[in-house]
């Protein structure tokens, strides 16, 4: 009991928290990238590159607040490239949106396959 009281008073005297710096840094990082999609029931919306979507860190980040993102970016699901003025978003007839670079490549492949079938 005396040891705990000493630690508590020492932390207060030097304005230190009970948590380690690693824990605080990890929580700050997880809350910065945590989005509602990390907790959707279907597994299709989870990003394999997102640390919060992994099972171990998902449970750790659950009590933390969500990230507030004022600006969003469109990312092509096929190539993973950001869609911007150099790679504008293009909507296919099925309603899916991909980057221009991917849609040009796919249309070239489709034309090649159609030409091969006609021969």
PDB file of N, CA and C in Angstrom:
ATOM      1  N   UNK A   1       0.826  -1.186   0.000  1.00  0.00           N
ATOM      2  CA  UNK A   1       0.000   0.000   0.000  1.00  0.00           C
ATOM      3  C   UNK A   1       0.871   1.252   0.000  1.00  0.00           C
ATOM      4  N   UNK A   2       1.936   1.260   0.760  1.00  0.00           N
ATOM      5  CA  UNK A   2       2.821   2.407   0.837  1.00  0.00           C
ATOM      6  C   UNK A   2       3.555   2.622  -0.495  1.00  0.00           C
ATOM      7  N   UNK A   3       3.907   1.516  -1.166  1.00  0.00           N
ATOM      8  CA  UNK A   3       4.589   1.612  -2.458  1.00  0.00           C
ATOM      9  C   UNK A   3       3.662   2.238  -3.494  1.00  0.00           C
ATOM     10  N   UNK A   4       2.401   1.811  -3.512  1.00  0.00           N
ATOM     11  CA  UNK A   4       1.435   2.372  -4.462  1.00  0.00           C
ATOM     12  C   UNK A   4       1.195   3.858  -4.201  1.00  0.00           C
ATOM     13  N   UNK A   5       1.126   4.235  -2.929  1.00  0.00           N
ATOM     14  CA  UNK A   5       0.929   5.635  -2.579  1.00  0.00           C
ATOM     15  C   UNK A   5       2.133   6.480  -3.017  1.00  0.00           C
ATOM     16  N   UNK A   6       3.340   5.932  -2.838  1.00  0.00           N
ATOM     17  CA  UNK A   6       4.551   6.638  -3.271  1.00  0.00           C
ATOM     18  C   UNK A   6       4.551   6.840  -4.781  1.00  0.00           C
ATOM     19  N   UNK A   7       4.219   5.784  -5.540  1.00  0.00           N
ATOM     20  CA  UNK A   7       4.182   5.897  -7.001  1.00  0.00           C
ATOM     21  C   UNK A   7       3.144   6.921  -7.447  1.00  0.00           C
ATOM     22  N   UNK A   8       1.989   6.881  -6.833  1.00  0.00           N
ATOM     23  CA  UNK A   8       0.918   7.810  -7.185  1.00  0.00           C
ATOM     24  C   UNK A   8       1.352   9.258  -6.936  1.00  0.00           C
ATOM     25  N   UNK A   9       1.936   9.503  -5.770  1.00  0.00           N
ATOM     26  CA  UNK A   9       2.389  10.857  -5.442  1.00  0.00           C
ATOM     27  C   UNK A   9       3.556  11.293  -6.330  1.00  0.00           C
ATOM     28  N   UNK A  10       4.446  10.369  -6.655  1.00  0.00           N
ATOM     29  CA  UNK A  10       5.569  10.675  -7.532  1.00  0.00           C
ATOM     30  C   UNK A  10       5.064  11.030  -8.939  1.00  0.00           C
ATOM     31  N   UNK A  11       4.099  10.284  -9.442  1.00  0.00           N
ATOM     32  CA  UNK A  11       3.519  10.589 -10.749  1.00  0.00           C
ATOM     33  C   UNK A  11       2.861  11.965 -10.735  1.00  0.00           C
ATOM     34  N   UNK A  12       2.117  12.257  -9.697  1.00  0.00           N
ATOM     35  CA  UNK A  12       1.453  13.559  -9.601  1.00  0.00           C
ATOM     36  C   UNK A  12       2.465  14.690  -9.474  1.00  0.00           C
ATOM     37  N   UNK A  13       3.527  14.466  -8.714  1.00  0.00           N
ATOM     38  CA  UNK A  13       4.546  15.490  -8.511  1.00  0.00           C
ATOM     39  C   UNK A  13       5.236  15.862  -9.819  1.00  0.00           C
ATOM     40  N   UNK A  14       5.532  14.843 -10.642  1.00  0.00           N
ATOM     41  CA  UNK A  14       6.226  15.068 -11.909  1.00  0.00           C
ATOM     42  C   UNK A  14       5.262  15.148 -13.103  1.00  0.00           C
ATOM     43  N   UNK A  15       3.969  15.217 -12.824  1.00  0.00           N
ATOM     44  CA  UNK A  15       2.917  15.316 -13.837  1.00  0.00           C
ATOM     45  C   UNK A  15       3.016  14.194 -14.871  1.00  0.00           C
ATOM     46  N   UNK A  16       3.127  12.979 -14.396  1.00  0.00           N
ATOM     47  CA  UNK A  16       3.173  11.800 -15.249  1.00  0.00           C
ATOM     48  C   UNK A  16       1.861  11.041 -15.117  1.00  0.00           C
ATOM     49  N   UNK A  17       1.501  10.324 -16.153  1.00  0.00           N
ATOM     50  CA  UNK A  17       0.298   9.506 -16.107  1.00  0.00           C
ATOM     51  C   UNK A  17       0.614   8.096 -15.663  1.00  0.00           C
ATOM     52  N   UNK A  18      -0.430   7.342 -15.390  1.00  0.00           N
ATOM     53  CA  UNK A  18      -0.246   5.943 -14.985  1.00  0.00           C
ATOM     54  C   UNK A  18       0.112   5.052 -16.174  1.00  0.00           C
ATOM     55  N   UNK A  19      -0.261   5.474 -17.378  1.00  0.00           N
ATOM     56  CA  UNK A  19       0.006   4.680 -18.574  1.00  0.00           C
ATOM     57  C   UNK A  19       1.397   4.985 -19.107  1.00  0.00           C
ATOM     58  N   UNK A  20       1.959   4.007 -19.795  1.00  0.00           N
ATOM     59  CA  UNK A  20       3.282   4.200 -20.385  1.00  0.00           C
ATOM     60  C   UNK A  20       3.172   5.075 -21.637  1.00  0.00           C
ATOM     61  N   UNK A  21       4.290   5.599 -22.076  1.00  0.00           N
ATOM     62  CA  UNK A  21       4.320   6.423 -23.278  1.00  0.00           C
ATOM     63  C   UNK A  21       3.950   5.588 -24.493  1.00  0.00           C
ATOM     64  N   UNK A  22       4.375   4.330 -24.497  1.00  0.00           N
ATOM     65  CA  UNK A  22       4.031   3.437 -25.607  1.00  0.00           C
ATOM     66  C   UNK A  22       2.520   3.267 -25.722  1.00  0.00           C
ATOM     67  N   UNK A  23       1.839   3.040 -24.594  1.00  0.00           N
ATOM     68  CA  UNK A  23       0.388   2.852 -24.603  1.00  0.00           C
ATOM     69  C   UNK A  23      -0.318   4.099 -25.107  1.00  0.00           C
ATOM     70  N   UNK A  24       0.099   5.248 -24.653  1.00  0.00           N
ATOM     71  CA  UNK A  24      -0.521   6.503 -25.067  1.00  0.00           C
ATOM     72  C   UNK A  24      -0.299   6.750 -26.557  1.00  0.00           C
ATOM     73  N   UNK A  25       0.910   6.483 -27.035  1.00  0.00           N
ATOM     74  CA  UNK A  25       1.223   6.673 -28.452  1.00  0.00           C
ATOM     75  C   UNK A  25       0.435   5.707 -29.318  1.00  0.00           C
ATOM     76  N   UNK A  26       0.333   4.459 -28.895  1.00  0.00           N
ATOM     77  CA  UNK A  26      -0.432   3.459 -29.639  1.00  0.00           C
ATOM     78  C   UNK A  26      -1.904   3.839 -29.700  1.00  0.00           C
ATOM     79  N   UNK A  27      -2.478   4.280 -28.592  1.00  0.00           N
ATOM     80  CA  UNK A  27      -3.886   4.681 -28.575  1.00  0.00           C
ATOM     81  C   UNK A  27      -4.128   5.903 -29.457  1.00  0.00           C
ATOM     82  N   UNK A  28      -3.199   6.852 -29.445  1.00  0.00           N
ATOM     83  CA  UNK A  28      -3.348   8.037 -30.294  1.00  0.00           C
ATOM     84  C   UNK A  28      -3.301   7.653 -31.774  1.00  0.00           C
ATOM     85  N   UNK A  29      -2.399   6.760 -32.129  1.00  0.00           N
ATOM     86  CA  UNK A  29      -2.302   6.315 -33.516  1.00  0.00           C
ATOM     87  C   UNK A  29      -3.518   5.542 -33.970  1.00  0.00           C
ATOM     88  N   UNK A  30      -4.025   4.655 -33.109  1.00  0.00           N
ATOM     89  CA  UNK A  30      -5.199   3.862 -33.469  1.00  0.00           C
ATOM     90  C   UNK A  30      -6.441   4.737 -33.608  1.00  0.00           C
ATOM     91  N   UNK A  31      -6.604   5.691 -32.717  1.00  0.00           N
ATOM     92  CA  UNK A  31      -7.789   6.542 -32.812  1.00  0.00           C
ATOM     93  C   UNK A  31      -7.709   7.477 -34.014  1.00  0.00           C
ATOM     94  N   UNK A  32      -6.498   7.775 -34.488  1.00  0.00           N
ATOM     95  CA  UNK A  32      -6.348   8.642 -35.659  1.00  0.00           C
ATOM     96  C   UNK A  32      -6.767   7.950 -36.942  1.00  0.00           C
ATOM     97  N   UNK A  33      -6.667   6.621 -36.994  1.00  0.00           N
ATOM     98  CA  UNK A  33      -7.012   5.899 -38.224  1.00  0.00           C
ATOM     99  C   UNK A  33      -8.253   5.035 -38.085  1.00  0.00           C
ATOM    100  N   UNK A  34      -8.892   5.059 -36.932  1.00  0.00           N
ATOM    101  CA  UNK A  34     -10.080   4.235 -36.695  1.00  0.00           C
ATOM    102  C   UNK A  34     -11.282   4.848 -37.406  1.00  0.00           C
ATOM    103  N   UNK A  35     -11.981   4.042 -38.196  1.00  0.00           N
ATOM    104  CA  UNK A  35     -13.175   4.490 -38.909  1.00  0.00           C
ATOM    105  C   UNK A  35     -14.320   3.529 -38.629  1.00  0.00           C
ATOM    106  N   UNK A  36     -15.556   3.928 -38.922  1.00  0.00           N
ATOM    107  CA  UNK A  36     -16.691   3.015 -38.711  1.00  0.00           C
ATOM    108  C   UNK A  36     -16.608   1.745 -39.552  1.00  0.00           C
ATOM    109  N   UNK A  37     -15.911   1.780 -40.685  1.00  0.00           N
ATOM    110  CA  UNK A  37     -15.799   0.597 -41.531  1.00  0.00           C
ATOM    111  C   UNK A  37     -14.979  -0.505 -40.879  1.00  0.00           C
ATOM    112  N   UNK A  38     -14.160  -0.158 -39.897  1.00  0.00           N
ATOM    113  CA  UNK A  38     -13.361  -1.166 -39.206  1.00  0.00           C
ATOM    114  C   UNK A  38     -14.234  -2.065 -38.337  1.00  0.00           C
ATOM    115  N   UNK A  39     -15.464  -1.656 -38.069  1.00  0.00           N
ATOM    116  CA  UNK A  39     -16.338  -2.415 -37.166  1.00  0.00           C
ATOM    117  C   UNK A  39     -17.609  -2.888 -37.839  1.00  0.00           C
ATOM    118  N   UNK A  40     -17.674  -2.892 -39.166  1.00  0.00           N
ATOM    119  CA  UNK A  40     -18.845  -3.422 -39.855  1.00  0.00           C
ATOM    120  C   UNK A  40     -18.838  -4.938 -39.755  1.00  0.00           C
ATOM    121  N   UNK A  41     -20.032  -5.510 -39.748  1.00  0.00           N
ATOM    122  CA  UNK A  41     -20.174  -6.963 -39.576  1.00  0.00           C
ATOM    123  C   UNK A  41     -19.637  -7.747 -40.770  1.00  0.00           C
ATOM    124  N   UNK A  42     -19.901  -7.253 -41.999  1.00  0.00           N
ATOM    125  CA  UNK A  42     -19.404  -7.986 -43.164  1.00  0.00           C
ATOM    126  C   UNK A  42     -17.909  -7.769 -43.312  1.00  0.00           C
ATOM    127  N   UNK A  43     -17.205  -8.805 -43.630  1.00  0.00           N
ATOM    128  CA  UNK A  43     -15.755  -8.730 -43.720  1.00  0.00           C
ATOM    129  C   UNK A  43     -15.245  -8.071 -44.985  1.00  0.00           C
ATOM    130  N   UNK A  44     -16.150  -7.791 -45.944  1.00  0.00           N
ATOM    131  CA  UNK A  44     -15.715  -7.230 -47.220  1.00  0.00           C
ATOM    132  C   UNK A  44     -15.276  -5.784 -47.105  1.00  0.00           C
ATOM    133  N   UNK A  45     -15.783  -5.058 -46.104  1.00  0.00           N
ATOM    134  CA  UNK A  45     -15.446  -3.633 -45.992  1.00  0.00           C
ATOM    135  C   UNK A  45     -14.136  -3.407 -45.240  1.00  0.00           C
ATOM    136  N   UNK A  46     -13.576  -4.448 -44.648  1.00  0.00           N
ATOM    137  CA  UNK A  46     -12.334  -4.293 -43.898  1.00  0.00           C
ATOM    138  C   UNK A  46     -11.140  -4.273 -44.842  1.00  0.00           C
ATOM    139  N   UNK A  47     -10.245  -3.345 -44.573  1.00  0.00           N
ATOM    140  CA  UNK A  47      -9.051  -3.171 -45.394  1.00  0.00           C
ATOM    141  C   UNK A  47      -7.930  -4.038 -44.823  1.00  0.00           C
ATOM    142  N   UNK A  48      -7.306  -4.885 -45.623  1.00  0.00           N
ATOM    143  CA  UNK A  48      -6.230  -5.739 -45.089  1.00  0.00           C
ATOM    144  C   UNK A  48      -4.994  -4.950 -44.665  1.00  0.00           C
ATOM    145  N   UNK A  49      -4.824  -3.730 -45.180  1.00  0.00           N
ATOM    146  CA  UNK A  49      -3.674  -2.903 -44.821  1.00  0.00           C
ATOM    147  C   UNK A  49      -3.928  -2.026 -43.600  1.00  0.00           C
ATOM    148  N   UNK A  50      -5.158  -2.008 -43.092  1.00  0.00           N
ATOM    149  CA  UNK A  50      -5.514  -1.158 -41.948  1.00  0.00           C
ATOM    150  C   UNK A  50      -5.188  -1.890 -40.644  1.00  0.00           C
ATOM    151  N   UNK A  51      -4.376  -1.301 -39.761  1.00  0.00           N
ATOM    152  CA  UNK A  51      -4.050  -1.970 -38.502  1.00  0.00           C
ATOM    153  C   UNK A  51      -5.258  -2.137 -37.586  1.00  0.00           C
ATOM    154  N   UNK A  52      -6.201  -1.209 -37.635  1.00  0.00           N
ATOM    155  CA  UNK A  52      -7.373  -1.296 -36.760  1.00  0.00           C
ATOM    156  C   UNK A  52      -8.285  -2.439 -37.196  1.00  0.00           C
ATOM    157  N   UNK A  53      -8.265  -2.796 -38.470  1.00  0.00           N
ATOM    158  CA  UNK A  53      -9.104  -3.900 -38.959  1.00  0.00           C
ATOM    159  C   UNK A  53      -8.568  -5.272 -38.544  1.00  0.00           C
ATOM    160  N   UNK A  54      -7.322  -5.363 -38.099  1.00  0.00           N
ATOM    161  CA  UNK A  54      -6.796  -6.652 -37.641  1.00  0.00           C
ATOM    162  C   UNK A  54      -7.473  -7.030 -36.320  1.00  0.00           C
ATOM    163  N   UNK A  55      -7.591  -8.316 -36.073  1.00  0.00           N
ATOM    164  CA  UNK A  55      -8.344  -8.791 -34.908  1.00  0.00           C
ATOM    165  C   UNK A  55      -7.744  -8.332 -33.583  1.00  0.00           C
ATOM    166  N   UNK A  56      -6.432  -8.370 -33.465  1.00  0.00           N
ATOM    167  CA  UNK A  56      -5.804  -8.037 -32.182  1.00  0.00           C
ATOM    168  C   UNK A  56      -5.952  -6.556 -31.846  1.00  0.00           C
ATOM    169  N   UNK A  57      -5.687  -5.685 -32.800  1.00  0.00           N
ATOM    170  CA  UNK A  57      -5.777  -4.255 -32.534  1.00  0.00           C
ATOM    171  C   UNK A  57      -7.210  -3.739 -32.590  1.00  0.00           C
ATOM    172  N   UNK A  58      -8.104  -4.485 -33.242  1.00  0.00           N
ATOM    173  CA  UNK A  58      -9.498  -4.084 -33.315  1.00  0.00           C
ATOM    174  C   UNK A  58     -10.126  -4.056 -31.929  1.00  0.00           C
ATOM    175  N   UNK A  59      -9.845  -5.067 -31.125  1.00  0.00           N
ATOM    176  CA  UNK A  59     -10.376  -5.115 -29.762  1.00  0.00           C
ATOM    177  C   UNK A  59      -9.750  -4.029 -28.893  1.00  0.00           C
ATOM    178  N   UNK A  60      -8.474  -3.756 -29.109  1.00  0.00           N
ATOM    179  CA  UNK A  60      -7.783  -2.731 -28.330  1.00  0.00           C
ATOM    180  C   UNK A  60      -8.300  -1.334 -28.655  1.00  0.00           C
ATOM    181  N   UNK A  61      -8.691  -1.096 -29.909  1.00  0.00           N
ATOM    182  CA  UNK A  61      -9.144   0.227 -30.332  1.00  0.00           C
ATOM    183  C   UNK A  61     -10.632   0.451 -30.114  1.00  0.00           C
ATOM    184  N   UNK A  62     -11.359  -0.550 -29.671  1.00  0.00           N
ATOM    185  CA  UNK A  62     -12.811  -0.431 -29.547  1.00  0.00           C
ATOM    186  C   UNK A  62     -13.256   0.710 -28.621  1.00  0.00           C
ATOM    187  N   UNK A  63     -12.658   0.929 -27.441  1.00  0.00           N
ATOM    188  CA  UNK A  63     -13.135   2.027 -26.594  1.00  0.00           C
ATOM    189  C   UNK A  63     -12.647   3.412 -27.028  1.00  0.00           C
ATOM    190  N   UNK A  64     -11.768   3.483 -28.013  1.00  0.00           N
ATOM    191  CA  UNK A  64     -11.204   4.759 -28.447  1.00  0.00           C
ATOM    192  C   UNK A  64     -12.169   5.496 -29.373  1.00  0.00           C
ATOM    193  N   UNK A  65     -12.064   6.825 -29.453  1.00  0.00           N
ATOM    194  CA  UNK A  65     -12.955   7.582 -30.346  1.00  0.00           C
ATOM    195  C   UNK A  65     -12.588   7.359 -31.808  1.00  0.00           C
ATOM    196  N   UNK A  66     -13.565   7.618 -32.694  1.00  0.00           N
ATOM    197  CA  UNK A  66     -13.353   7.482 -34.133  1.00  0.00           C
ATOM    198  C   UNK A  66     -12.561   8.680 -34.656  1.00  0.00           C
ATOM    199  N   UNK A  67     -11.875   8.472 -35.764  1.00  0.00           N
ATOM    200  CA  UNK A  67     -11.128   9.548 -36.408  1.00  0.00           C
ATOM    201  C   UNK A  67     -12.096  10.482 -37.118  1.00  0.00           C
ATOM    202  N   UNK A  68     -11.789  11.759 -37.102  1.00  0.00           N
ATOM    203  CA  UNK A  68     -12.582  12.743 -37.828  1.00  0.00           C
ATOM    204  C   UNK A  68     -11.797  13.149 -39.059  1.00  0.00           C
ATOM    205  N   UNK A  69     -12.337  12.830 -40.207  1.00  0.00           N
ATOM    206  CA  UNK A  69     -11.654  13.126 -41.465  1.00  0.00           C
ATOM    207  C   UNK A  69     -12.476  14.139 -42.241  1.00  0.00           C
ATOM    208  N   UNK A  70     -11.981  15.362 -42.340  1.00  0.00           N
ATOM    209  CA  UNK A  70     -12.698  16.413 -43.058  1.00  0.00           C
ATOM    210  C   UNK A  70     -12.512  16.275 -44.567  1.00  0.00           C
ATOM    211  N   UNK A  71     -11.381  15.764 -44.996  1.00  0.00           N
ATOM    212  CA  UNK A  71     -11.104  15.567 -46.418  1.00  0.00           C
ATOM    213  C   UNK A  71     -10.970  14.082 -46.685  1.00  0.00           C
ATOM    214  N   UNK A  72     -11.587  13.634 -47.767  1.00  0.00           N
ATOM    215  CA  UNK A  72     -11.494  12.219 -48.099  1.00  0.00           C
ATOM    216  C   UNK A  72     -10.801  12.057 -49.449  1.00  0.00           C
ATOM    217  N   UNK A  73     -10.307  10.862 -49.688  1.00  0.00           N
ATOM    218  CA  UNK A  73      -9.641  10.541 -50.941  1.00  0.00           C
ATOM    219  C   UNK A  73     -10.289   9.306 -51.524  1.00  0.00           C
ATOM    220  N   UNK A  74     -10.433   9.286 -52.835  1.00  0.00           N
ATOM    221  CA  UNK A  74     -10.899   8.095 -53.522  1.00  0.00           C
ATOM    222  C   UNK A  74      -9.692   7.250 -53.881  1.00  0.00           C
ATOM    223  N   UNK A  75      -9.764   5.967 -53.575  1.00  0.00           N
ATOM    224  CA  UNK A  75      -8.674   5.046 -53.872  1.00  0.00           C
ATOM    225  C   UNK A  75      -9.226   3.930 -54.738  1.00  0.00           C
ATOM    226  N   UNK A  76      -8.561   3.650 -55.828  1.00  0.00           N
ATOM    227  CA  UNK A  76      -8.983   2.593 -56.739  1.00  0.00           C
ATOM    228  C   UNK A  76      -8.821   1.242 -56.052  1.00  0.00           C
ATOM    229  N   UNK A  77      -9.876   0.428 -56.097  1.00  0.00           N
ATOM    230  CA  UNK A  77      -9.848  -0.860 -55.412  1.00  0.00           C
ATOM    231  C   UNK A  77      -8.926  -1.856 -56.114  1.00  0.00           C
ATOM    232  N   UNK A  78      -8.769  -1.736 -57.410  1.00  0.00           N
ATOM    233  CA  UNK A  78      -7.940  -2.683 -58.153  1.00  0.00           C
ATOM    234  C   UNK A  78      -6.456  -2.348 -58.019  1.00  0.00           C
ATOM    235  N   UNK A  79      -6.095  -1.105 -58.325  1.00  0.00           N
ATOM    236  CA  UNK A  79      -4.672  -0.733 -58.335  1.00  0.00           C
ATOM    237  C   UNK A  79      -4.186  -0.195 -56.994  1.00  0.00           C
ATOM    238  N   UNK A  80      -5.087   0.360 -56.184  1.00  0.00           N
ATOM    239  CA  UNK A  80      -4.687   0.964 -54.923  1.00  0.00           C
ATOM    240  C   UNK A  80      -4.155   2.377 -55.081  1.00  0.00           C
ATOM    241  N   UNK A  81      -4.233   2.926 -56.296  1.00  0.00           N
ATOM    242  CA  UNK A  81      -3.771   4.287 -56.559  1.00  0.00           C
ATOM    243  C   UNK A  81      -4.840   5.298 -56.159  1.00  0.00           C
ATOM    244  N   UNK A  82      -4.392   6.478 -55.744  1.00  0.00           N
ATOM    245  CA  UNK A  82      -5.312   7.553 -55.413  1.00  0.00           C
ATOM    246  C   UNK A  82      -5.880   8.119 -56.704  1.00  0.00           C
ATOM    247  N   UNK A  83      -7.200   8.349 -56.716  1.00  0.00           N
ATOM    248  CA  UNK A  83      -7.836   8.943 -57.890  1.00  0.00           C
ATOM    249  C   UNK A  83      -7.804  10.457 -57.725  1.00  0.00           C
ATOM    250  N   UNK A  84      -7.140  11.130 -58.672  1.00  0.00           N
ATOM    251  CA  UNK A  84      -7.011  12.585 -58.651  1.00  0.00           C
ATOM    252  C   UNK A  84      -7.047  13.082 -60.087  1.00  0.00           C
ATOM    253  N   UNK A  85      -6.484  14.280 -60.352  1.00  0.00           N
ATOM    254  CA  UNK A  85      -6.515  14.842 -61.705  1.00  0.00           C
ATOM    255  C   UNK A  85      -5.676  14.026 -62.684  1.00  0.00           C
ATOM    256  N   UNK A  86      -4.685  13.288 -62.219  1.00  0.00           N
ATOM    257  CA  UNK A  86      -3.865  12.448 -63.094  1.00  0.00           C
ATOM    258  C   UNK A  86      -4.472  11.065 -63.313  1.00  0.00           C
ATOM    259  N   UNK A  87      -5.350  10.653 -62.435  1.00  0.00           N
ATOM    260  CA  UNK A  87      -6.013   9.354 -62.511  1.00  0.00           C
ATOM    261  C   UNK A  87      -7.478   9.568 -62.110  1.00  0.00           C
ATOM    262  N   UNK A  88      -8.286  10.229 -62.980  1.00  0.00           N
ATOM    263  CA  UNK A  88      -9.652  10.576 -62.585  1.00  0.00           C
ATOM    264  C   UNK A  88     -10.532   9.338 -62.424  1.00  0.00           C
ATOM    265  N   UNK A  89     -11.544   9.426 -61.567  1.00  0.00           N
ATOM    266  CA  UNK A  89     -12.453   8.295 -61.394  1.00  0.00           C
ATOM    267  C   UNK A  89     -13.331   8.098 -62.629  1.00  0.00           C
ATOM    268  N   UNK A  90     -13.509   6.856 -63.006  1.00  0.00           N
ATOM    269  CA  UNK A  90     -14.335   6.496 -64.156  1.00  0.00           C
ATOM    270  C   UNK A  90     -15.345   5.447 -63.697  1.00  0.00           C
ATOM    271  N   UNK A  91     -16.630   5.677 -64.016  1.00  0.00           N
ATOM    272  CA  UNK A  91     -17.666   4.723 -63.617  1.00  0.00           C
ATOM    273  C   UNK A  91     -17.958   3.782 -64.784  1.00  0.00           C
ATOM    274  N   UNK A  92     -17.912   2.508 -64.497  1.00  0.00           N
ATOM    275  CA  UNK A  92     -18.216   1.501 -65.508  1.00  0.00           C
ATOM    276  C   UNK A  92     -19.724   1.302 -65.592  1.00  0.00           C
ATOM    277  N   UNK A  93     -20.218   0.662 -66.639  1.00  0.00           N
ATOM    278  CA  UNK A  93     -21.663   0.458 -66.774  1.00  0.00           C
ATOM    279  C   UNK A  93     -22.298  -0.319 -65.607  1.00  0.00           C
ATOM    280  N   UNK A  94     -21.508  -1.127 -64.886  1.00  0.00           N
ATOM    281  CA  UNK A  94     -22.062  -1.872 -63.753  1.00  0.00           C
ATOM    282  C   UNK A  94     -22.193  -1.006 -62.504  1.00  0.00           C
ATOM    283  N   UNK A  95     -21.725   0.257 -62.548  1.00  0.00           N
ATOM    284  CA  UNK A  95     -21.864   1.176 -61.422  1.00  0.00           C
ATOM    285  C   UNK A  95     -20.626   1.288 -60.545  1.00  0.00           C
ATOM    286  N   UNK A  96     -19.646   0.439 -60.744  1.00  0.00           N
ATOM    287  CA  UNK A  96     -18.424   0.508 -59.955  1.00  0.00           C
ATOM    288  C   UNK A  96     -17.516   1.613 -60.484  1.00  0.00           C
ATOM    289  N   UNK A  97     -16.770   2.227 -59.589  1.00  0.00           N
ATOM    290  CA  UNK A  97     -15.881   3.326 -59.949  1.00  0.00           C
ATOM    291  C   UNK A  97     -14.436   2.861 -59.782  1.00  0.00           C
ATOM    292  N   UNK A  98     -13.648   3.051 -60.828  1.00  0.00           N
ATOM    293  CA  UNK A  98     -12.237   2.702 -60.813  1.00  0.00           C
ATOM    294  C   UNK A  98     -11.441   3.875 -61.360  1.00  0.00           C
ATOM    295  N   UNK A  99     -10.134   3.839 -61.166  1.00  0.00           N
ATOM    296  CA  UNK A  99      -9.264   4.868 -61.714  1.00  0.00           C
ATOM    297  C   UNK A  99      -9.172   4.757 -63.226  1.00  0.00           C
ATOM    298  N   UNK A 100      -8.911   5.891 -63.875  1.00  0.00           N
ATOM    299  CA  UNK A 100      -8.818   5.933 -65.332  1.00  0.00           C
ATOM    300  C   UNK A 100      -7.735   4.997 -65.855  1.00  0.00           C
ATOM    301  N   UNK A 101      -6.607   4.947 -65.161  1.00  0.00           N
ATOM    302  CA  UNK A 101      -5.499   4.096 -65.612  1.00  0.00           C
ATOM    303  C   UNK A 101      -5.908   2.630 -65.641  1.00  0.00           C
ATOM    304  N   UNK A 102      -6.687   2.187 -64.675  1.00  0.00           N
ATOM    305  CA  UNK A 102      -7.142   0.797 -64.642  1.00  0.00           C
ATOM    306  C   UNK A 102      -8.187   0.561 -65.714  1.00  0.00           C
ATOM    307  N   UNK A 103      -9.124   1.503 -65.887  1.00  0.00           N
ATOM    308  CA  UNK A 103     -10.185   1.303 -66.879  1.00  0.00           C
ATOM    309  C   UNK A 103      -9.617   1.272 -68.296  1.00  0.00           C
ATOM    310  N   UNK A 104      -8.565   2.051 -68.556  1.00  0.00           N
ATOM    311  CA  UNK A 104      -7.912   2.004 -69.876  1.00  0.00           C
ATOM    312  C   UNK A 104      -7.247   0.648 -70.065  1.00  0.00           C
ATOM    313  N   UNK A 105      -6.584   0.160 -69.027  1.00  0.00           N
ATOM    314  CA  UNK A 105      -5.947  -1.146 -69.121  1.00  0.00           C
ATOM    315  C   UNK A 105      -6.943  -2.276 -69.301  1.00  0.00           C
ATOM    316  N   UNK A 106      -8.056  -2.206 -68.595  1.00  0.00           N
ATOM    317  CA  UNK A 106      -9.086  -3.245 -68.700  1.00  0.00           C
ATOM    318  C   UNK A 106      -9.730  -3.208 -70.076  1.00  0.00           C
ATOM    319  N   UNK A 107     -10.021  -2.010 -70.595  1.00  0.00           N
ATOM    320  CA  UNK A 107     -10.643  -1.922 -71.920  1.00  0.00           C
ATOM    321  C   UNK A 107      -9.686  -2.440 -72.997  1.00  0.00           C
ATOM    322  N   UNK A 108      -8.385  -2.183 -72.828  1.00  0.00           N
ATOM    323  CA  UNK A 108      -7.404  -2.719 -73.773  1.00  0.00           C
ATOM    324  C   UNK A 108      -7.371  -4.238 -73.743  1.00  0.00           C
ATOM    325  N   UNK A 109      -7.461  -4.817 -72.546  1.00  0.00           N
ATOM    326  CA  UNK A 109      -7.492  -6.278 -72.427  1.00  0.00           C
ATOM    327  C   UNK A 109      -8.766  -6.846 -73.040  1.00  0.00           C
ATOM    328  N   UNK A 110      -9.897  -6.170 -72.814  1.00  0.00           N
ATOM    329  CA  UNK A 110     -11.164  -6.650 -73.369  1.00  0.00           C
ATOM    330  C   UNK A 110     -11.131  -6.590 -74.901  1.00  0.00           C
ATOM    331  N   UNK A 111     -10.586  -5.510 -75.462  1.00  0.00           N
ATOM    332  CA  UNK A 111     -10.480  -5.398 -76.915  1.00  0.00           C
ATOM    333  C   UNK A 111      -9.579  -6.491 -77.472  1.00  0.00           C
ATOM    334  N   UNK A 112      -8.488  -6.780 -76.777  1.00  0.00           N
ATOM    335  CA  UNK A 112      -7.572  -7.842 -77.220  1.00  0.00           C
ATOM    336  C   UNK A 112      -8.271  -9.198 -77.185  1.00  0.00           C
ATOM    337  N   UNK A 113      -9.057  -9.458 -76.150  1.00  0.00           N
ATOM    338  CA  UNK A 113      -9.766 -10.738 -76.057  1.00  0.00           C
ATOM    339  C   UNK A 113     -10.842 -10.841 -77.134  1.00  0.00           C
ATOM    340  N   UNK A 114     -11.545  -9.729 -77.390  1.00  0.00           N
ATOM    341  CA  UNK A 114     -12.576  -9.741 -78.433  1.00  0.00           C
ATOM    342  C   UNK A 114     -11.938  -9.960 -79.790  1.00  0.00           C
ATOM    343  N   UNK A 115     -10.792  -9.319 -80.047  1.00  0.00           N
ATOM    344  CA  UNK A 115     -10.090  -9.511 -81.327  1.00  0.00           C
ATOM    345  C   UNK A 115      -9.613 -10.944 -81.467  1.00  0.00           C
ATOM    346  N   UNK A 116      -9.149 -11.541 -80.364  1.00  0.00           N
ATOM    347  CA  UNK A 116      -8.666 -12.931 -80.411  1.00  0.00           C
ATOM    348  C   UNK A 116      -9.827 -13.879 -80.667  1.00  0.00           C
ATOM    349  N   UNK A 117     -11.013 -13.597 -80.143  1.00  0.00           N
ATOM    350  CA  UNK A 117     -12.168 -14.467 -80.353  1.00  0.00           C
ATOM    351  C   UNK A 117     -12.647 -14.384 -81.790  1.00  0.00           C
ATOM    352  N   UNK A 118     -12.577 -13.191 -82.397  1.00  0.00           N
ATOM    353  CA  UNK A 118     -13.046 -13.013 -83.776  1.00  0.00           C
ATOM    354  C   UNK A 118     -12.151 -13.726 -84.778  1.00  0.00           C
ATOM    355  N   UNK A 119     -10.880 -13.910 -84.455  1.00  0.00           N
ATOM    356  CA  UNK A 119      -9.942 -14.531 -85.403  1.00  0.00           C
ATOM    357  C   UNK A 119     -10.165 -15.985 -85.446  1.00  0.00           C
TER     358      UNK A 119
END
